[in-house]
PDB file of all heavy atoms in Angstrom:
ATOM      1  N   ILE A   1      40.636 -52.298   6.056  1.00  0.00           N
ATOM      2  CA  ILE A   1      41.337 -53.560   6.256  1.00  0.00           C
ATOM      3  C   ILE A   1      41.451 -53.813   7.756  1.00  0.00           C
ATOM      4  O   ILE A   1      42.428 -53.439   8.401  1.00  0.00           O
ATOM      5  CB  ILE A   1      42.709 -53.562   5.542  1.00  0.00           C
ATOM      6  CG1 ILE A   1      43.403 -54.919   5.727  1.00  0.00           C
ATOM      7  CG2 ILE A   1      43.585 -52.404   6.003  1.00  0.00           C
ATOM      8  CD1 ILE A   1      44.617 -55.096   4.808  1.00  0.00           C
ATOM      9  N   PRO A   2      40.450 -54.443   8.325  1.00  0.00           N
ATOM     10  CA  PRO A   2      40.498 -54.744   9.749  1.00  0.00           C
ATOM     11  C   PRO A   2      41.508 -55.842  10.057  1.00  0.00           C
ATOM     12  O   PRO A   2      41.820 -56.669   9.201  1.00  0.00           O
ATOM     13  CB  PRO A   2      39.081 -55.208  10.067  1.00  0.00           C
ATOM     14  CG  PRO A   2      38.429 -55.501   8.760  1.00  0.00           C
ATOM     15  CD  PRO A   2      39.213 -54.891   7.670  1.00  0.00           C
ATOM     16  N   SER A   3      42.024 -55.832  11.260  1.00  0.00           N
ATOM     17  CA  SER A   3      42.939 -56.887  11.668  1.00  0.00           C
ATOM     18  C   SER A   3      42.174 -58.199  11.749  1.00  0.00           C
ATOM     19  O   SER A   3      41.141 -58.280  12.422  1.00  0.00           O
ATOM     20  CB  SER A   3      43.588 -56.554  13.013  1.00  0.00           C
ATOM     21  OG  SER A   3      42.600 -56.402  14.024  1.00  0.00           O
ATOM     22  N   GLY A   4      42.670 -59.195  11.053  1.00  0.00           N
ATOM     23  CA  GLY A   4      42.035 -60.501  11.070  1.00  0.00           C
ATOM     24  C   GLY A   4      40.735 -60.591  10.304  1.00  0.00           C
ATOM     25  O   GLY A   4      40.022 -61.587  10.411  1.00  0.00           O
ATOM     26  N   GLY A   5      40.414 -59.559   9.523  1.00  0.00           N
ATOM     27  CA  GLY A   5      39.178 -59.553   8.766  1.00  0.00           C
ATOM     28  C   GLY A   5      39.401 -59.366   7.282  1.00  0.00           C
ATOM     29  O   GLY A   5      40.522 -59.146   6.823  1.00  0.00           O
ATOM     30  N   SER A   6      38.336 -59.443   6.540  1.00  0.00           N
ATOM     31  CA  SER A   6      38.395 -59.282   5.091  1.00  0.00           C
ATOM     32  C   SER A   6      38.400 -57.807   4.717  1.00  0.00           C
ATOM     33  O   SER A   6      37.763 -56.980   5.368  1.00  0.00           O
ATOM     34  CB  SER A   6      37.210 -59.975   4.432  1.00  0.00           C
ATOM     35  OG  SER A   6      37.194 -61.361   4.714  1.00  0.00           O
ATOM     36  N   THR A   7      39.112 -57.494   3.651  1.00  0.00           N
ATOM     37  CA  THR A   7      39.101 -56.136   3.133  1.00  0.00           C
ATOM     38  C   THR A   7      37.756 -55.843   2.498  1.00  0.00           C
ATOM     39  O   THR A   7      37.048 -56.747   2.053  1.00  0.00           O
ATOM     40  CB  THR A   7      40.207 -55.923   2.099  1.00  0.00           C
ATOM     41  OG1 THR A   7      40.039 -56.868   1.030  1.00  0.00           O
ATOM     42  CG2 THR A   7      41.580 -56.140   2.725  1.00  0.00           C
ATOM     43  N   ASN A   8      37.397 -54.578   2.454  1.00  0.00           N
ATOM     44  CA  ASN A   8      36.177 -54.188   1.778  1.00  0.00           C
ATOM     45  C   ASN A   8      36.387 -52.852   1.096  1.00  0.00           C
ATOM     46  O   ASN A   8      37.217 -52.042   1.518  1.00  0.00           O
ATOM     47  CB  ASN A   8      34.981 -54.151   2.748  1.00  0.00           C
ATOM     48  CG  ASN A   8      35.158 -53.158   3.869  1.00  0.00           C
ATOM     49  OD1 ASN A   8      34.750 -52.002   3.759  1.00  0.00           O
ATOM     50  ND2 ASN A   8      35.773 -53.599   4.963  1.00  0.00           N
ATOM     51  N   TYR A   9      35.621 -52.629   0.024  1.00  0.00           N
ATOM     52  CA  TYR A   9      35.814 -51.476  -0.828  1.00  0.00           C
ATOM     53  C   TYR A   9      34.490 -50.851  -1.207  1.00  0.00           C
ATOM     54  O   TYR A   9      33.459 -51.529  -1.282  1.00  0.00           O
ATOM     55  CB  TYR A   9      36.535 -51.872  -2.123  1.00  0.00           C
ATOM     56  CG  TYR A   9      37.890 -52.488  -1.919  1.00  0.00           C
ATOM     57  CD1 TYR A   9      38.032 -53.860  -1.742  1.00  0.00           C
ATOM     58  CD2 TYR A   9      39.034 -51.700  -1.909  1.00  0.00           C
ATOM     59  CE1 TYR A   9      39.279 -54.432  -1.554  1.00  0.00           C
ATOM     60  CE2 TYR A   9      40.286 -52.265  -1.723  1.00  0.00           C
ATOM     61  CZ  TYR A   9      40.400 -53.630  -1.542  1.00  0.00           C
ATOM     62  OH  TYR A   9      41.642 -54.187  -1.358  1.00  0.00           O
ATOM     63  N   ALA A  10      34.546 -49.559  -1.463  1.00  0.00           N
ATOM     64  CA  ALA A  10      33.406 -48.898  -2.062  1.00  0.00           C
ATOM     65  C   ALA A  10      33.191 -49.445  -3.465  1.00  0.00           C
ATOM     66  O   ALA A  10      34.146 -49.806  -4.154  1.00  0.00           O
ATOM     67  CB  ALA A  10      33.624 -47.390  -2.117  1.00  0.00           C
ATOM     68  N   ASP A  11      31.939 -49.510  -3.883  1.00  0.00           N
ATOM     69  CA  ASP A  11      31.635 -50.050  -5.205  1.00  0.00           C
ATOM     70  C   ASP A  11      32.379 -49.302  -6.315  1.00  0.00           C
ATOM     71  O   ASP A  11      32.781 -49.897  -7.318  1.00  0.00           O
ATOM     72  CB  ASP A  11      30.133 -49.995  -5.473  1.00  0.00           C
ATOM     73  CG  ASP A  11      29.356 -50.995  -4.643  1.00  0.00           C
ATOM     74  OD1 ASP A  11      29.959 -51.967  -4.155  1.00  0.00           O
ATOM     75  OD2 ASP A  11      28.135 -50.807  -4.494  1.00  0.00           O
ATOM     76  N   SER A  12      32.583 -48.025  -6.134  1.00  0.00           N
ATOM     77  CA  SER A  12      33.191 -47.205  -7.164  1.00  0.00           C
ATOM     78  C   SER A  12      34.666 -47.512  -7.401  1.00  0.00           C
ATOM     79  O   SER A  12      35.216 -47.128  -8.441  1.00  0.00           O
ATOM     80  CB  SER A  12      33.035 -45.721  -6.823  1.00  0.00           C
ATOM     81  OG  SER A  12      33.644 -45.423  -5.582  1.00  0.00           O
ATOM     82  N   VAL A  13      35.319 -48.210  -6.461  1.00  0.00           N
ATOM     83  CA  VAL A  13      36.747 -48.489  -6.604  1.00  0.00           C
ATOM     84  C   VAL A  13      37.058 -49.970  -6.688  1.00  0.00           C
ATOM     85  O   VAL A  13      38.228 -50.340  -6.866  1.00  0.00           O
ATOM     86  CB  VAL A  13      37.565 -47.859  -5.458  1.00  0.00           C
ATOM     87  CG1 VAL A  13      37.257 -46.371  -5.336  1.00  0.00           C
ATOM     88  CG2 VAL A  13      37.298 -48.573  -4.140  1.00  0.00           C
ATOM     89  N   LYS A  14      36.059 -50.816  -6.573  1.00  0.00           N
ATOM     90  CA  LYS A  14      36.290 -52.254  -6.634  1.00  0.00           C
ATOM     91  C   LYS A  14      36.937 -52.650  -7.953  1.00  0.00           C
ATOM     92  O   LYS A  14      36.531 -52.200  -9.017  1.00  0.00           O
ATOM     93  CB  LYS A  14      34.971 -53.012  -6.459  1.00  0.00           C
ATOM     94  CG  LYS A  14      34.440 -53.007  -5.044  1.00  0.00           C
ATOM     95  CD  LYS A  14      33.145 -53.806  -4.939  1.00  0.00           C
ATOM     96  CE  LYS A  14      32.627 -53.819  -3.516  1.00  0.00           C
ATOM     97  NZ  LYS A  14      31.333 -54.543  -3.410  1.00  0.00           N
ATOM     98  N   GLY A  15      37.961 -53.481  -7.858  1.00  0.00           N
ATOM     99  CA  GLY A  15      38.676 -53.923  -9.034  1.00  0.00           C
ATOM    100  C   GLY A  15      39.786 -52.998  -9.464  1.00  0.00           C
ATOM    101  O   GLY A  15      40.589 -53.367 -10.331  1.00  0.00           O
ATOM    102  N   ARG A  16      39.847 -51.813  -8.885  1.00  0.00           N
ATOM    103  CA  ARG A  16      40.880 -50.845  -9.247  1.00  0.00           C
ATOM    104  C   ARG A  16      41.819 -50.521  -8.086  1.00  0.00           C
ATOM    105  O   ARG A  16      43.011 -50.301  -8.299  1.00  0.00           O
ATOM    106  CB  ARG A  16      40.243 -49.545  -9.746  1.00  0.00           C
ATOM    107  CG  ARG A  16      39.380 -49.719 -10.992  1.00  0.00           C
ATOM    108  CD  ARG A  16      38.948 -48.373 -11.551  1.00  0.00           C
ATOM    109  NE  ARG A  16      38.099 -47.640 -10.621  1.00  0.00           N
ATOM    110  CZ  ARG A  16      38.383 -46.434 -10.126  1.00  0.00           C
ATOM    111  NH1 ARG A  16      39.506 -45.828 -10.488  1.00  0.00           N
ATOM    112  NH2 ARG A  16      37.553 -45.835  -9.301  1.00  0.00           N
ATOM    113  N   PHE A  17      41.279 -50.461  -6.884  1.00  0.00           N
ATOM    114  CA  PHE A  17      42.070 -50.100  -5.707  1.00  0.00           C
ATOM    115  C   PHE A  17      42.334 -51.329  -4.853  1.00  0.00           C
ATOM    116  O   PHE A  17      41.494 -52.237  -4.770  1.00  0.00           O
ATOM    117  CB  PHE A  17      41.333 -49.072  -4.850  1.00  0.00           C
ATOM    118  CG  PHE A  17      41.208 -47.703  -5.461  1.00  0.00           C
ATOM    119  CD1 PHE A  17      41.544 -47.457  -6.783  1.00  0.00           C
ATOM    120  CD2 PHE A  17      40.738 -46.652  -4.690  1.00  0.00           C
ATOM    121  CE1 PHE A  17      41.417 -46.195  -7.341  1.00  0.00           C
ATOM    122  CE2 PHE A  17      40.607 -45.381  -5.230  1.00  0.00           C
ATOM    123  CZ  PHE A  17      40.945 -45.155  -6.557  1.00  0.00           C
ATOM    124  N   THR A  18      43.479 -51.340  -4.189  1.00  0.00           N
ATOM    125  CA  THR A  18      43.829 -52.409  -3.272  1.00  0.00           C
ATOM    126  C   THR A  18      44.395 -51.820  -1.987  1.00  0.00           C
ATOM    127  O   THR A  18      45.348 -51.044  -2.028  1.00  0.00           O
ATOM    128  CB  THR A  18      44.861 -53.367  -3.888  1.00  0.00           C
ATOM    129  OG1 THR A  18      44.352 -53.918  -5.103  1.00  0.00           O
ATOM    130  CG2 THR A  18      45.171 -54.507  -2.916  1.00  0.00           C
ATOM    131  N   ILE A  19      43.805 -52.198  -0.871  1.00  0.00           N
ATOM    132  CA  ILE A  19      44.302 -51.748   0.415  1.00  0.00           C
ATOM    133  C   ILE A  19      45.151 -52.857   1.029  1.00  0.00           C
ATOM    134  O   ILE A  19      44.834 -54.040   0.903  1.00  0.00           O
ATOM    135  CB  ILE A  19      43.144 -51.343   1.355  1.00  0.00           C
ATOM    136  CG1 ILE A  19      43.687 -50.698   2.634  1.00  0.00           C
ATOM    137  CG2 ILE A  19      42.254 -52.536   1.684  1.00  0.00           C
ATOM    138  CD1 ILE A  19      42.599 -50.070   3.500  1.00  0.00           C
ATOM    139  N   SER A  20      46.238 -52.470   1.677  1.00  0.00           N
ATOM    140  CA  SER A  20      47.115 -53.426   2.338  1.00  0.00           C
ATOM    141  C   SER A  20      47.749 -52.759   3.551  1.00  0.00           C
ATOM    142  O   SER A  20      47.649 -51.543   3.722  1.00  0.00           O
ATOM    143  CB  SER A  20      48.188 -53.950   1.380  1.00  0.00           C
ATOM    144  OG  SER A  20      49.011 -52.895   0.915  1.00  0.00           O
ATOM    145  N   ARG A  21      48.397 -53.560   4.374  1.00  0.00           N
ATOM    146  CA  ARG A  21      49.030 -53.001   5.562  1.00  0.00           C
ATOM    147  C   ARG A  21      50.318 -53.735   5.878  1.00  0.00           C
ATOM    148  O   ARG A  21      50.470 -54.925   5.580  1.00  0.00           O
ATOM    149  CB  ARG A  21      48.077 -53.041   6.765  1.00  0.00           C
ATOM    150  CG  ARG A  21      47.617 -54.440   7.148  1.00  0.00           C
ATOM    151  CD  ARG A  21      46.445 -54.390   8.127  1.00  0.00           C
ATOM    152  NE  ARG A  21      46.847 -53.957   9.457  1.00  0.00           N
ATOM    153  CZ  ARG A  21      45.999 -53.750  10.465  1.00  0.00           C
ATOM    154  NH1 ARG A  21      44.688 -53.910  10.275  1.00  0.00           N
ATOM    155  NH2 ARG A  21      46.455 -53.366  11.653  1.00  0.00           N
ATOM    156  N   ASP A  22      51.243 -53.017   6.478  1.00  0.00           N
ATOM    157  CA  ASP A  22      52.496 -53.565   6.952  1.00  0.00           C
ATOM    158  C   ASP A  22      52.523 -53.319   8.454  1.00  0.00           C
ATOM    159  O   ASP A  22      52.812 -52.211   8.904  1.00  0.00           O
ATOM    160  CB  ASP A  22      53.681 -52.897   6.261  1.00  0.00           C
ATOM    161  CG  ASP A  22      55.007 -53.522   6.630  1.00  0.00           C
ATOM    162  OD1 ASP A  22      55.117 -54.127   7.705  1.00  0.00           O
ATOM    163  OD2 ASP A  22      55.957 -53.405   5.835  1.00  0.00           O
ATOM    164  N   ASN A  23      52.210 -54.341   9.206  1.00  0.00           N
ATOM    165  CA  ASN A  23      52.095 -54.176  10.648  1.00  0.00           C
ATOM    166  C   ASN A  23      53.430 -53.822  11.312  1.00  0.00           C
ATOM    167  O   ASN A  23      53.451 -53.114  12.318  1.00  0.00           O
ATOM    168  CB  ASN A  23      51.519 -55.445  11.271  1.00  0.00           C
ATOM    169  CG  ASN A  23      50.076 -55.676  10.882  1.00  0.00           C
ATOM    170  OD1 ASN A  23      49.311 -54.729  10.708  1.00  0.00           O
ATOM    171  ND2 ASN A  23      49.683 -56.939  10.752  1.00  0.00           N
ATOM    172  N   ALA A  24      54.526 -54.317  10.755  1.00  0.00           N
ATOM    173  CA  ALA A  24      55.840 -54.016  11.317  1.00  0.00           C
ATOM    174  C   ALA A  24      56.168 -52.533  11.211  1.00  0.00           C
ATOM    175  O   ALA A  24      56.930 -51.997  12.015  1.00  0.00           O
ATOM    176  CB  ALA A  24      56.914 -54.844  10.635  1.00  0.00           C
ATOM    177  N   LYS A  25      55.604 -51.870  10.212  1.00  0.00           N
ATOM    178  CA  LYS A  25      55.852 -50.448   9.989  1.00  0.00           C
ATOM    179  C   LYS A  25      54.686 -49.567  10.409  1.00  0.00           C
ATOM    180  O   LYS A  25      54.745 -48.351  10.237  1.00  0.00           O
ATOM    181  CB  LYS A  25      56.165 -50.191   8.514  1.00  0.00           C
ATOM    182  CG  LYS A  25      57.411 -50.890   8.014  1.00  0.00           C
ATOM    183  CD  LYS A  25      57.648 -50.590   6.540  1.00  0.00           C
ATOM    184  CE  LYS A  25      58.902 -51.267   6.035  1.00  0.00           C
ATOM    185  NZ  LYS A  25      59.139 -50.989   4.595  1.00  0.00           N
ATOM    186  N   ASN A  26      53.638 -50.173  10.947  1.00  0.00           N
ATOM    187  CA  ASN A  26      52.430 -49.434  11.321  1.00  0.00           C
ATOM    188  C   ASN A  26      51.929 -48.574  10.166  1.00  0.00           C
ATOM    189  O   ASN A  26      51.564 -47.407  10.343  1.00  0.00           O
ATOM    190  CB  ASN A  26      52.686 -48.559  12.550  1.00  0.00           C
ATOM    191  CG  ASN A  26      52.812 -49.363  13.826  1.00  0.00           C
ATOM    192  OD1 ASN A  26      52.339 -50.499  13.918  1.00  0.00           O
ATOM    193  ND2 ASN A  26      53.440 -48.775  14.831  1.00  0.00           N
ATOM    194  N   THR A  27      51.901 -49.166   8.995  1.00  0.00           N
ATOM    195  CA  THR A  27      51.581 -48.428   7.785  1.00  0.00           C
ATOM    196  C   THR A  27      50.472 -49.115   6.999  1.00  0.00           C
ATOM    197  O   THR A  27      50.452 -50.341   6.883  1.00  0.00           O
ATOM    198  CB  THR A  27      52.823 -48.282   6.894  1.00  0.00           C
ATOM    199  OG1 THR A  27      53.837 -47.572   7.614  1.00  0.00           O
ATOM    200  CG2 THR A  27      52.495 -47.519   5.622  1.00  0.00           C
ATOM    201  N   VAL A  28      49.577 -48.312   6.459  1.00  0.00           N
ATOM    202  CA  VAL A  28      48.536 -48.793   5.570  1.00  0.00           C
ATOM    203  C   VAL A  28      48.751 -48.156   4.201  1.00  0.00           C
ATOM    204  O   VAL A  28      49.159 -46.993   4.098  1.00  0.00           O
ATOM    205  CB  VAL A  28      47.125 -48.480   6.116  1.00  0.00           C
ATOM    206  CG1 VAL A  28      46.907 -46.982   6.271  1.00  0.00           C
ATOM    207  CG2 VAL A  28      46.058 -49.100   5.230  1.00  0.00           C
ATOM    208  N   TYR A  29      48.494 -48.928   3.152  1.00  0.00           N
ATOM    209  CA  TYR A  29      48.694 -48.474   1.790  1.00  0.00           C
ATOM    210  C   TYR A  29      47.390 -48.547   1.011  1.00  0.00           C
ATOM    211  O   TYR A  29      46.500 -49.329   1.326  1.00  0.00           O
ATOM    212  CB  TYR A  29      49.726 -49.341   1.070  1.00  0.00           C
ATOM    213  CG  TYR A  29      51.053 -49.441   1.772  1.00  0.00           C
ATOM    214  CD1 TYR A  29      51.323 -50.501   2.639  1.00  0.00           C
ATOM    215  CD2 TYR A  29      52.046 -48.488   1.574  1.00  0.00           C
ATOM    216  CE1 TYR A  29      52.538 -50.604   3.283  1.00  0.00           C
ATOM    217  CE2 TYR A  29      53.265 -48.583   2.212  1.00  0.00           C
ATOM    218  CZ  TYR A  29      53.509 -49.643   3.065  1.00  0.00           C
ATOM    219  OH  TYR A  29      54.726 -49.737   3.698  1.00  0.00           O
ATOM    220  N   LEU A  30      47.322 -47.737  -0.015  1.00  0.00           N
ATOM    221  CA  LEU A  30      46.223 -47.814  -0.959  1.00  0.00           C
ATOM    222  C   LEU A  30      46.808 -47.737  -2.361  1.00  0.00           C
ATOM    223  O   LEU A  30      47.255 -46.672  -2.791  1.00  0.00           O
ATOM    224  CB  LEU A  30      45.207 -46.690  -0.746  1.00  0.00           C
ATOM    225  CG  LEU A  30      43.949 -46.765  -1.617  1.00  0.00           C
ATOM    226  CD1 LEU A  30      43.107 -47.977  -1.225  1.00  0.00           C
ATOM    227  CD2 LEU A  30      43.135 -45.482  -1.513  1.00  0.00           C
ATOM    228  N   GLN A  31      46.831 -48.873  -3.042  1.00  0.00           N
ATOM    229  CA  GLN A  31      47.275 -48.914  -4.427  1.00  0.00           C
ATOM    230  C   GLN A  31      46.095 -48.577  -5.317  1.00  0.00           C
ATOM    231  O   GLN A  31      45.075 -49.275  -5.287  1.00  0.00           O
ATOM    232  CB  GLN A  31      47.821 -50.298  -4.780  1.00  0.00           C
ATOM    233  CG  GLN A  31      48.280 -50.445  -6.221  1.00  0.00           C
ATOM    234  CD  GLN A  31      49.482 -49.602  -6.536  1.00  0.00           C
ATOM    235  OE1 GLN A  31      50.433 -49.555  -5.758  1.00  0.00           O
ATOM    236  NE2 GLN A  31      49.453 -48.911  -7.668  1.00  0.00           N
ATOM    237  N   MET A  32      46.222 -47.522  -6.088  1.00  0.00           N
ATOM    238  CA  MET A  32      45.135 -47.042  -6.927  1.00  0.00           C
ATOM    239  C   MET A  32      45.547 -47.174  -8.383  1.00  0.00           C
ATOM    240  O   MET A  32      46.444 -46.475  -8.856  1.00  0.00           O
ATOM    241  CB  MET A  32      44.797 -45.590  -6.593  1.00  0.00           C
ATOM    242  CG  MET A  32      44.454 -45.363  -5.126  1.00  0.00           C
ATOM    243  SD  MET A  32      43.948 -43.657  -4.796  1.00  0.00           S
ATOM    244  CE  MET A  32      45.489 -42.802  -5.124  1.00  0.00           C
ATOM    245  N   ASN A  33      44.894 -48.073  -9.087  1.00  0.00           N
ATOM    246  CA  ASN A  33      45.148 -48.294 -10.502  1.00  0.00           C
ATOM    247  C   ASN A  33      43.954 -47.833 -11.319  1.00  0.00           C
ATOM    248  O   ASN A  33      42.833 -47.743 -10.819  1.00  0.00           O
ATOM    249  CB  ASN A  33      45.421 -49.769 -10.778  1.00  0.00           C
ATOM    250  CG  ASN A  33      46.640 -50.292 -10.070  1.00  0.00           C
ATOM    251  OD1 ASN A  33      47.617 -49.571  -9.872  1.00  0.00           O
ATOM    252  ND2 ASN A  33      46.606 -51.568  -9.685  1.00  0.00           N
ATOM    253  N   GLY A  34      44.201 -47.569 -12.578  1.00  0.00           N
ATOM    254  CA  GLY A  34      43.123 -47.150 -13.466  1.00  0.00           C
ATOM    255  C   GLY A  34      42.374 -45.939 -12.945  1.00  0.00           C
ATOM    256  O   GLY A  34      41.139 -45.911 -12.960  1.00  0.00           O
ATOM    257  N   LEU A  35      43.113 -44.947 -12.502  1.00  0.00           N
ATOM    258  CA  LEU A  35      42.492 -43.771 -11.904  1.00  0.00           C
ATOM    259  C   LEU A  35      41.602 -43.032 -12.897  1.00  0.00           C
ATOM    260  O   LEU A  35      41.907 -42.942 -14.082  1.00  0.00           O
ATOM    261  CB  LEU A  35      43.553 -42.836 -11.353  1.00  0.00           C
ATOM    262  CG  LEU A  35      44.168 -43.286 -10.027  1.00  0.00           C
ATOM    263  CD1 LEU A  35      45.475 -42.555  -9.762  1.00  0.00           C
ATOM    264  CD2 LEU A  35      43.182 -43.054  -8.891  1.00  0.00           C
TER     265      LEU A  35
END
């Protein structure tokens, strides 16, 4: 998840994982569903 850019994913996780970030907390997250 680049700053000011589009997110991108490996083909194997597309539709299941979501990357996000909280700039105020300097934190990046990875929500993993359907593991």
